[in-house]
Amino acid sequence: MSIVIPNEGFATLIAAISHLRLEGNQNKSRHYSETFSKGLALWLRGLLLDDERLEQVLTPEATVPTCFGRKSLDVGCLDKSNYLALDISIKTFNFRDGDTGRYTHNYTGRFYELLGEGLDLRLSYPEAVLAAVIFLPVDSCSDGTSRAASSFGNAVKQFSKIASQGTDDDHALSFEHVVIGLYDSTGVSFFDARIPPPFHGEPPASAMLSTEQMLERLLMHVTNREPHRATGTMNILPNFTWA
């Protein structure tokens, strides 16, 4: 496999949970996916803890107040005024569907989960940087047919709908960054969902980002948004009033 940039921490995570991976057992598959997602959150948080540009890196699944109550975040970072600076939402698709042999099962459900999260956080913290990171096995690039794009191609098509076009005037209800992480047991690399994907096959190595490059894009955006956060207002849920 040519496009994945080895990452020791990621490979260690995959190896640590490999014994949980059982094909064809729904309960075991769910347990594997939940464990994998939690491990990914810890892995990414550990990388962010080393960066001096972030004031507070929350523990995975910590909650923040929002205009709809409280929201649990996979990976969240606050600035010194407790304003949400960065949210990383993790979605994983780890098993082929038994009927179709593809990874596209539940793309729509996960898409609407992200839409809801974007709405909640964007209304509450207008100047936060939101990132959706979707993880797919690299063989998702090779399960297409003559008429159907690969699972990877379909993931880019679906989740790019919530990606902003990169300007500060265009982040009303969207994520500034949407990336697809293609992985195997040796590592992971990331594809920007705003780039047109191949209909079949893996994207070229030149289109892929290492973990460090992907996070640097996010952190640069967090730094650039700092003046806006300084004057921004947190829109938190007011006390409900009964008649």
C-alpha atoms as a PDB file:
ATOM      1  CA  MET A   1       0.000   0.000   0.000  1.00  0.00           C
ATOM      2  CA  SER A   2       1.661   3.207  -1.178  1.00  0.00           C
ATOM      3  CA  ILE A   3      -0.253   6.200   0.100  1.00  0.00           C
ATOM      4  CA  VAL A   4      -0.283   5.676   3.859  1.00  0.00           C
ATOM      5  CA  ILE A   5       2.385   7.554   5.783  1.00  0.00           C
ATOM      6  CA  PRO A   6       3.437   5.307   8.696  1.00  0.00           C
ATOM      7  CA  ASN A   7       2.580   6.624  12.127  1.00  0.00           C
ATOM      8  CA  GLU A   8       3.913   4.734  15.097  1.00  0.00           C
ATOM      9  CA  GLY A   9       1.156   5.825  17.462  1.00  0.00           C
ATOM     10  CA  PHE A  10      -1.620   4.923  15.032  1.00  0.00           C
ATOM     11  CA  ALA A  11      -0.107   1.539  14.204  1.00  0.00           C
ATOM     12  CA  THR A  12       0.219   0.814  17.913  1.00  0.00           C
ATOM     13  CA  LEU A  13      -3.477   1.596  18.396  1.00  0.00           C
ATOM     14  CA  ILE A  14      -4.509  -0.733  15.569  1.00  0.00           C
ATOM     15  CA  ALA A  15      -2.352  -3.528  16.964  1.00  0.00           C
ATOM     16  CA  ALA A  16      -3.738  -3.055  20.485  1.00  0.00           C
ATOM     17  CA  ILE A  17      -7.349  -3.585  19.409  1.00  0.00           C
ATOM     18  CA  SER A  18      -6.817  -6.108  16.593  1.00  0.00           C
ATOM     19  CA  HIS A  19      -8.028  -8.968  18.800  1.00  0.00           C
ATOM     20  CA  LEU A  20     -11.436  -7.267  19.035  1.00  0.00           C
ATOM     21  CA  ARG A  21     -11.981  -7.318  15.286  1.00  0.00           C
ATOM     22  CA  LEU A  22     -14.437 -10.086  14.390  1.00  0.00           C
ATOM     23  CA  GLU A  23     -16.141  -9.944  10.989  1.00  0.00           C
ATOM     24  CA  GLY A  24     -19.824 -10.815  10.742  1.00  0.00           C
ATOM     25  CA  ASN A  25     -20.712 -10.341  14.414  1.00  0.00           C
ATOM     26  CA  GLN A  26     -22.725  -7.145  14.852  1.00  0.00           C
ATOM     27  CA  ASN A  27     -22.140  -6.762  18.587  1.00  0.00           C
ATOM     28  CA  LYS A  28     -18.417  -7.417  18.260  1.00  0.00           C
ATOM     29  CA  SER A  29     -18.166  -5.047  15.309  1.00  0.00           C
ATOM     30  CA  ARG A  30     -19.899  -2.307  17.284  1.00  0.00           C
ATOM     31  CA  HIS A  31     -17.572  -2.870  20.244  1.00  0.00           C
ATOM     32  CA  TYR A  32     -14.533  -2.702  17.974  1.00  0.00           C
ATOM     33  CA  SER A  33     -15.730   0.512  16.333  1.00  0.00           C
ATOM     34  CA  GLU A  34     -16.493   2.178  19.674  1.00  0.00           C
ATOM     35  CA  THR A  35     -13.101   1.166  21.079  1.00  0.00           C
ATOM     36  CA  PHE A  36     -11.364   2.346  17.909  1.00  0.00           C
ATOM     37  CA  SER A  37     -13.103   5.738  18.024  1.00  0.00           C
ATOM     38  CA  LYS A  38     -12.166   6.254  21.670  1.00  0.00           C
ATOM     39  CA  GLY A  39      -8.584   5.250  20.909  1.00  0.00           C
ATOM     40  CA  LEU A  40      -8.445   7.693  18.000  1.00  0.00           C
ATOM     41  CA  ALA A  41      -9.668  10.508  20.229  1.00  0.00           C
ATOM     42  CA  LEU A  42      -6.967   9.741  22.808  1.00  0.00           C
ATOM     43  CA  TRP A  43      -4.327   9.524  20.062  1.00  0.00           C
ATOM     44  CA  LEU A  44      -5.258  12.874  18.503  1.00  0.00           C
ATOM     45  CA  ARG A  45      -5.583  14.532  21.898  1.00  0.00           C
ATOM     46  CA  GLY A  46      -2.107  13.322  22.815  1.00  0.00           C
ATOM     47  CA  LEU A  47      -0.681  14.949  19.698  1.00  0.00           C
ATOM     48  CA  LEU A  48      -2.490  18.227  20.419  1.00  0.00           C
ATOM     49  CA  LEU A  49      -1.287  18.340  24.025  1.00  0.00           C
ATOM     50  CA  ASP A  50       2.236  18.964  22.750  1.00  0.00           C
ATOM     51  CA  ASP A  51       1.252  22.142  20.890  1.00  0.00           C
ATOM     52  CA  GLU A  52       1.764  25.439  22.726  1.00  0.00           C
ATOM     53  CA  ARG A  53      -0.842  27.236  20.609  1.00  0.00           C
ATOM     54  CA  LEU A  54      -3.648  25.501  22.507  1.00  0.00           C
ATOM     55  CA  GLU A  55      -4.668  26.638  25.969  1.00  0.00           C
ATOM     56  CA  GLN A  56      -6.876  23.733  27.084  1.00  0.00           C
ATOM     57  CA  VAL A  57      -7.157  20.330  25.384  1.00  0.00           C
ATOM     58  CA  LEU A  58     -10.169  18.585  26.878  1.00  0.00           C
ATOM     59  CA  THR A  59     -10.350  14.892  27.655  1.00  0.00           C
ATOM     60  CA  PRO A  60     -12.283  12.854  25.065  1.00  0.00           C
ATOM     61  CA  GLU A  61     -16.069  13.078  25.456  1.00  0.00           C
ATOM     62  CA  ALA A  62     -15.836  16.139  27.710  1.00  0.00           C
ATOM     63  CA  THR A  63     -18.883  18.382  27.412  1.00  0.00           C
ATOM     64  CA  VAL A  64     -19.199  22.079  26.685  1.00  0.00           C
ATOM     65  CA  PRO A  65     -22.252  24.305  27.190  1.00  0.00           C
ATOM     66  CA  THR A  66     -24.172  25.147  24.021  1.00  0.00           C
ATOM     67  CA  CYS A  67     -27.344  26.920  23.057  1.00  0.00           C
ATOM     68  CA  PHE A  68     -29.140  23.543  23.175  1.00  0.00           C
ATOM     69  CA  GLY A  69     -27.748  22.358  26.513  1.00  0.00           C
ATOM     70  CA  ARG A  70     -24.421  20.519  26.705  1.00  0.00           C
ATOM     71  CA  LYS A  71     -22.511  18.828  23.894  1.00  0.00           C
ATOM     72  CA  SER A  72     -20.030  15.954  24.231  1.00  0.00           C
ATOM     73  CA  LEU A  73     -16.951  16.390  22.031  1.00  0.00           C
ATOM     74  CA  ASP A  74     -14.636  13.700  20.688  1.00  0.00           C
ATOM     75  CA  VAL A  75     -11.697  16.114  20.882  1.00  0.00           C
ATOM     76  CA  GLY A  76     -12.223  19.700  22.015  1.00  0.00           C
ATOM     77  CA  CYS A  77      -9.905  22.612  22.719  1.00  0.00           C
ATOM     78  CA  LEU A  78     -10.793  25.793  24.620  1.00  0.00           C
ATOM     79  CA  ASP A  79      -8.988  29.115  24.722  1.00  0.00           C
ATOM     80  CA  LYS A  80      -8.144  30.983  27.922  1.00  0.00           C
ATOM     81  CA  SER A  81     -11.635  32.503  28.070  1.00  0.00           C
ATOM     82  CA  ASN A  82     -13.223  29.013  27.786  1.00  0.00           C
ATOM     83  CA  TYR A  83     -14.402  29.743  24.248  1.00  0.00           C
ATOM     84  CA  LEU A  84     -14.365  26.664  21.998  1.00  0.00           C
ATOM     85  CA  ALA A  85     -11.323  27.057  19.756  1.00  0.00           C
ATOM     86  CA  LEU A  86     -11.309  23.663  18.006  1.00  0.00           C
ATOM     87  CA  ASP A  87     -13.675  20.717  17.728  1.00  0.00           C
ATOM     88  CA  ILE A  88     -12.616  17.467  16.054  1.00  0.00           C
ATOM     89  CA  SER A  89     -15.498  15.097  15.370  1.00  0.00           C
ATOM     90  CA  ILE A  90     -14.455  11.512  14.593  1.00  0.00           C
ATOM     91  CA  LYS A  91     -16.454   9.074  12.477  1.00  0.00           C
ATOM     92  CA  THR A  92     -15.265   5.588  11.552  1.00  0.00           C
ATOM     93  CA  PHE A  93     -16.414   2.961   9.056  1.00  0.00           C
ATOM     94  CA  ASN A  94     -14.501  -0.231   9.717  1.00  0.00           C
ATOM     95  CA  PHE A  95     -16.509  -3.140   8.288  1.00  0.00           C
ATOM     96  CA  ARG A  96     -17.992  -3.966   4.919  1.00  0.00           C
ATOM     97  CA  ASP A  97     -21.765  -4.357   4.799  1.00  0.00           C
ATOM     98  CA  GLY A  98     -22.747  -8.017   4.591  1.00  0.00           C
ATOM     99  CA  ASP A  99     -25.201  -7.406   1.743  1.00  0.00           C
ATOM    100  CA  THR A 100     -23.298  -4.977  -0.478  1.00  0.00           C
ATOM    101  CA  GLY A 101     -19.698  -5.757   0.403  1.00  0.00           C
ATOM    102  CA  ARG A 102     -19.061  -2.025   0.721  1.00  0.00           C
ATOM    103  CA  TYR A 103     -18.374   0.434   3.536  1.00  0.00           C
ATOM    104  CA  THR A 104     -21.155   2.869   2.633  1.00  0.00           C
ATOM    105  CA  HIS A 105     -23.685   1.569   5.172  1.00  0.00           C
ATOM    106  CA  ASN A 106     -24.850   4.438   7.433  1.00  0.00           C
ATOM    107  CA  TYR A 107     -23.082   7.242   5.543  1.00  0.00           C
ATOM    108  CA  THR A 108     -26.360   9.169   5.606  1.00  0.00           C
ATOM    109  CA  GLY A 109     -26.868   8.727   9.359  1.00  0.00           C
ATOM    110  CA  ARG A 110     -23.340   9.856  10.191  1.00  0.00           C
ATOM    111  CA  PHE A 111     -23.740  12.791   7.793  1.00  0.00           C
ATOM    112  CA  TYR A 112     -26.798  14.031   9.663  1.00  0.00           C
ATOM    113  CA  GLU A 113     -25.037  13.530  12.996  1.00  0.00           C
ATOM    114  CA  LEU A 114     -22.356  15.902  11.758  1.00  0.00           C
ATOM    115  CA  LEU A 115     -24.967  18.351  10.495  1.00  0.00           C
ATOM    116  CA  GLY A 116     -26.520  18.424  13.962  1.00  0.00           C
ATOM    117  CA  GLU A 117     -23.172  18.881  15.661  1.00  0.00           C
ATOM    118  CA  GLY A 118     -22.236  21.674  13.272  1.00  0.00           C
ATOM    119  CA  LEU A 119     -25.532  23.450  13.908  1.00  0.00           C
ATOM    120  CA  ASP A 120     -25.180  23.173  17.691  1.00  0.00           C
ATOM    121  CA  LEU A 121     -21.566  24.315  17.881  1.00  0.00           C
ATOM    122  CA  ARG A 122     -21.726  26.939  15.151  1.00  0.00           C
ATOM    123  CA  LEU A 123     -24.691  28.687  16.736  1.00  0.00           C
ATOM    124  CA  SER A 124     -23.039  28.466  20.163  1.00  0.00           C
ATOM    125  CA  TYR A 125     -19.449  29.330  19.189  1.00  0.00           C
ATOM    126  CA  PRO A 126     -19.541  31.148  15.839  1.00  0.00           C
ATOM    127  CA  GLU A 127     -15.753  31.552  15.703  1.00  0.00           C
ATOM    128  CA  ALA A 128     -14.771  27.980  16.619  1.00  0.00           C
ATOM    129  CA  VAL A 129     -12.888  25.877  14.070  1.00  0.00           C
ATOM    130  CA  LEU A 130     -14.803  22.679  13.336  1.00  0.00           C
ATOM    131  CA  ALA A 131     -13.193  19.610  11.789  1.00  0.00           C
ATOM    132  CA  ALA A 132     -14.787  16.316  10.741  1.00  0.00           C
ATOM    133  CA  VAL A 133     -12.329  13.433  10.468  1.00  0.00           C
ATOM    134  CA  ILE A 134     -13.730  10.299   8.825  1.00  0.00           C
ATOM    135  CA  PHE A 135     -11.681   7.082   8.976  1.00  0.00           C
ATOM    136  CA  LEU A 136     -11.952   4.386   6.297  1.00  0.00           C
ATOM    137  CA  PRO A 137      -9.831   1.304   5.542  1.00  0.00           C
ATOM    138  CA  VAL A 138      -7.695   1.837   2.455  1.00  0.00           C
ATOM    139  CA  ASP A 139      -9.425  -1.022   0.624  1.00  0.00           C
ATOM    140  CA  SER A 140     -12.511   1.215   0.527  1.00  0.00           C
ATOM    141  CA  CYS A 141     -10.822   2.716  -2.537  1.00  0.00           C
ATOM    142  CA  SER A 142     -11.152  -0.525  -4.513  1.00  0.00           C
ATOM    143  CA  ASP A 143     -14.729  -1.714  -3.967  1.00  0.00           C
ATOM    144  CA  GLY A 144     -16.391   0.214  -6.783  1.00  0.00           C
ATOM    145  CA  THR A 145     -18.028  -1.148  -9.920  1.00  0.00           C
ATOM    146  CA  SER A 146     -18.301   0.092 -13.494  1.00  0.00           C
ATOM    147  CA  ARG A 147     -21.358   2.092 -12.444  1.00  0.00           C
ATOM    148  CA  ALA A 148     -20.665   2.814  -8.779  1.00  0.00           C
ATOM    149  CA  ALA A 149     -17.873   4.846  -7.246  1.00  0.00           C
ATOM    150  CA  SER A 150     -15.738   3.304  -4.525  1.00  0.00           C
ATOM    151  CA  SER A 151     -16.767   3.638  -0.885  1.00  0.00           C
ATOM    152  CA  PHE A 152     -13.955   6.151  -0.501  1.00  0.00           C
ATOM    153  CA  GLY A 153     -15.205   8.184  -3.457  1.00  0.00           C
ATOM    154  CA  ASN A 154     -18.736   8.117  -2.095  1.00  0.00           C
ATOM    155  CA  ALA A 155     -17.485   9.216   1.338  1.00  0.00           C
ATOM    156  CA  VAL A 156     -15.834  12.267  -0.196  1.00  0.00           C
ATOM    157  CA  LYS A 157     -18.985  13.010  -2.204  1.00  0.00           C
ATOM    158  CA  GLN A 158     -21.232  12.735   0.871  1.00  0.00           C
ATOM    159  CA  PHE A 159     -19.177  14.427   3.567  1.00  0.00           C
ATOM    160  CA  SER A 160     -17.817  17.219   1.359  1.00  0.00           C
ATOM    161  CA  LYS A 161     -21.336  18.664   1.499  1.00  0.00           C
ATOM    162  CA  ILE A 162     -20.612  20.017   4.986  1.00  0.00           C
ATOM    163  CA  ALA A 163     -17.159  21.390   4.108  1.00  0.00           C
ATOM    164  CA  SER A 164     -16.789  25.146   3.837  1.00  0.00           C
ATOM    165  CA  GLN A 165     -14.956  26.630   0.891  1.00  0.00           C
ATOM    166  CA  GLY A 166     -12.188  28.043   3.043  1.00  0.00           C
ATOM    167  CA  THR A 167     -13.244  31.623   3.657  1.00  0.00           C
ATOM    168  CA  ASP A 168     -14.235  33.139   6.989  1.00  0.00           C
ATOM    169  CA  ASP A 169     -17.474  34.340   5.425  1.00  0.00           C
ATOM    170  CA  ASP A 170     -18.441  30.804   4.493  1.00  0.00           C
ATOM    171  CA  HIS A 171     -18.519  28.887   7.759  1.00  0.00           C
ATOM    172  CA  ALA A 172     -22.057  29.615   8.901  1.00  0.00           C
ATOM    173  CA  LEU A 173     -23.242  26.022   9.348  1.00  0.00           C
ATOM    174  CA  SER A 174     -20.310  24.077   7.930  1.00  0.00           C
ATOM    175  CA  PHE A 175     -17.031  22.508   9.001  1.00  0.00           C
ATOM    176  CA  GLU A 176     -13.861  24.354   8.070  1.00  0.00           C
ATOM    177  CA  HIS A 177     -12.088  21.022   7.593  1.00  0.00           C
ATOM    178  CA  VAL A 178     -13.457  17.681   6.413  1.00  0.00           C
ATOM    179  CA  VAL A 179     -10.849  14.995   5.826  1.00  0.00           C
ATOM    180  CA  ILE A 180     -10.985  11.286   5.048  1.00  0.00           C
ATOM    181  CA  GLY A 181      -8.344   9.233   6.836  1.00  0.00           C
ATOM    182  CA  LEU A 182      -7.343   6.152   4.841  1.00  0.00           C
ATOM    183  CA  TYR A 183      -5.715   3.573   7.061  1.00  0.00           C
ATOM    184  CA  ASP A 184      -4.332   0.085   7.357  1.00  0.00           C
ATOM    185  CA  SER A 185      -2.331  -1.633  10.084  1.00  0.00           C
ATOM    186  CA  THR A 186       0.798   0.411   9.300  1.00  0.00           C
ATOM    187  CA  GLY A 187      -0.565   3.930   9.441  1.00  0.00           C
ATOM    188  CA  VAL A 188      -2.947   6.559   8.144  1.00  0.00           C
ATOM    189  CA  SER A 189      -2.941   9.553   5.836  1.00  0.00           C
ATOM    190  CA  PHE A 190      -5.630  12.107   5.063  1.00  0.00           C
ATOM    191  CA  PHE A 191      -7.483  13.392   2.018  1.00  0.00           C
ATOM    192  CA  ASP A 192      -9.114  16.831   1.940  1.00  0.00           C
ATOM    193  CA  ALA A 193     -12.776  16.237   1.057  1.00  0.00           C
ATOM    194  CA  ARG A 194     -12.914  19.490  -0.924  1.00  0.00           C
ATOM    195  CA  ILE A 195     -10.688  17.889  -3.578  1.00  0.00           C
ATOM    196  CA  PRO A 196     -12.429  15.803  -6.276  1.00  0.00           C
ATOM    197  CA  PRO A 197     -11.687  12.107  -5.616  1.00  0.00           C
ATOM    198  CA  PRO A 198     -11.018   9.388  -8.180  1.00  0.00           C
ATOM    199  CA  PHE A 199     -14.116   7.392  -9.145  1.00  0.00           C
ATOM    200  CA  HIS A 200     -12.131   4.203  -8.523  1.00  0.00           C
ATOM    201  CA  GLY A 201      -8.822   3.528  -6.847  1.00  0.00           C
ATOM    202  CA  GLU A 202      -6.577   5.310  -4.394  1.00  0.00           C
ATOM    203  CA  PRO A 203      -5.893   9.033  -4.655  1.00  0.00           C
ATOM    204  CA  PRO A 204      -2.330   9.942  -5.653  1.00  0.00           C
ATOM    205  CA  ALA A 205       0.252  10.186  -2.897  1.00  0.00           C
ATOM    206  CA  SER A 206       0.658  13.898  -3.708  1.00  0.00           C
ATOM    207  CA  ALA A 207      -2.945  14.495  -2.597  1.00  0.00           C
ATOM    208  CA  MET A 208      -2.469  12.929   0.840  1.00  0.00           C
ATOM    209  CA  LEU A 209      -1.586  14.626   4.118  1.00  0.00           C
ATOM    210  CA  SER A 210       0.320  13.121   7.011  1.00  0.00           C
ATOM    211  CA  THR A 211      -1.234  13.335  10.454  1.00  0.00           C
ATOM    212  CA  GLU A 212       1.132  16.189  11.300  1.00  0.00           C
ATOM    213  CA  GLN A 213       0.217  18.093   8.127  1.00  0.00           C
ATOM    214  CA  MET A 214      -3.494  17.609   8.727  1.00  0.00           C
ATOM    215  CA  LEU A 215      -3.294  18.851  12.326  1.00  0.00           C
ATOM    216  CA  GLU A 216      -1.117  21.781  11.319  1.00  0.00           C
ATOM    217  CA  ARG A 217      -3.838  22.972   8.942  1.00  0.00           C
ATOM    218  CA  LEU A 218      -6.333  22.870  11.786  1.00  0.00           C
ATOM    219  CA  LEU A 219      -4.038  24.643  14.241  1.00  0.00           C
ATOM    220  CA  MET A 220      -3.124  27.380  11.777  1.00  0.00           C
ATOM    221  CA  HIS A 221      -6.840  28.038  11.351  1.00  0.00           C
ATOM    222  CA  VAL A 222      -7.290  28.142  15.136  1.00  0.00           C
ATOM    223  CA  THR A 223      -4.482  30.714  15.391  1.00  0.00           C
ATOM    224  CA  ASN A 224      -5.864  32.832  12.541  1.00  0.00           C
ATOM    225  CA  ARG A 225      -9.310  32.827  14.142  1.00  0.00           C
ATOM    226  CA  GLU A 226      -7.973  34.090  17.494  1.00  0.00           C
ATOM    227  CA  PRO A 227      -8.808  37.796  16.883  1.00  0.00           C
ATOM    228  CA  HIS A 228     -12.365  36.798  15.981  1.00  0.00           C
ATOM    229  CA  ARG A 229     -12.753  34.684  19.114  1.00  0.00           C
ATOM    230  CA  ALA A 230     -11.522  37.595  21.234  1.00  0.00           C
ATOM    231  CA  THR A 231     -14.547  39.646  20.187  1.00  0.00           C
ATOM    232  CA  GLY A 232     -16.940  36.740  19.670  1.00  0.00           C
ATOM    233  CA  THR A 233     -19.832  35.895  21.932  1.00  0.00           C
ATOM    234  CA  MET A 234     -20.727  32.477  23.284  1.00  0.00           C
ATOM    235  CA  ASN A 235     -24.423  31.870  22.709  1.00  0.00           C
ATOM    236  CA  ILE A 236     -25.371  29.658  25.625  1.00  0.00           C
ATOM    237  CA  LEU A 237     -28.790  28.249  26.438  1.00  0.00           C
ATOM    238  CA  PRO A 238     -30.844  30.722  28.493  1.00  0.00           C
ATOM    239  CA  ASN A 239     -32.927  29.521  31.406  1.00  0.00           C
ATOM    240  CA  PHE A 240     -36.177  28.018  30.219  1.00  0.00           C
ATOM    241  CA  THR A 241     -39.302  29.855  31.312  1.00  0.00           C
ATOM    242  CA  TRP A 242     -42.602  28.106  31.819  1.00  0.00           C
ATOM    243  CA  ALA A 243     -45.905  29.910  31.300  1.00  0.00           C
END
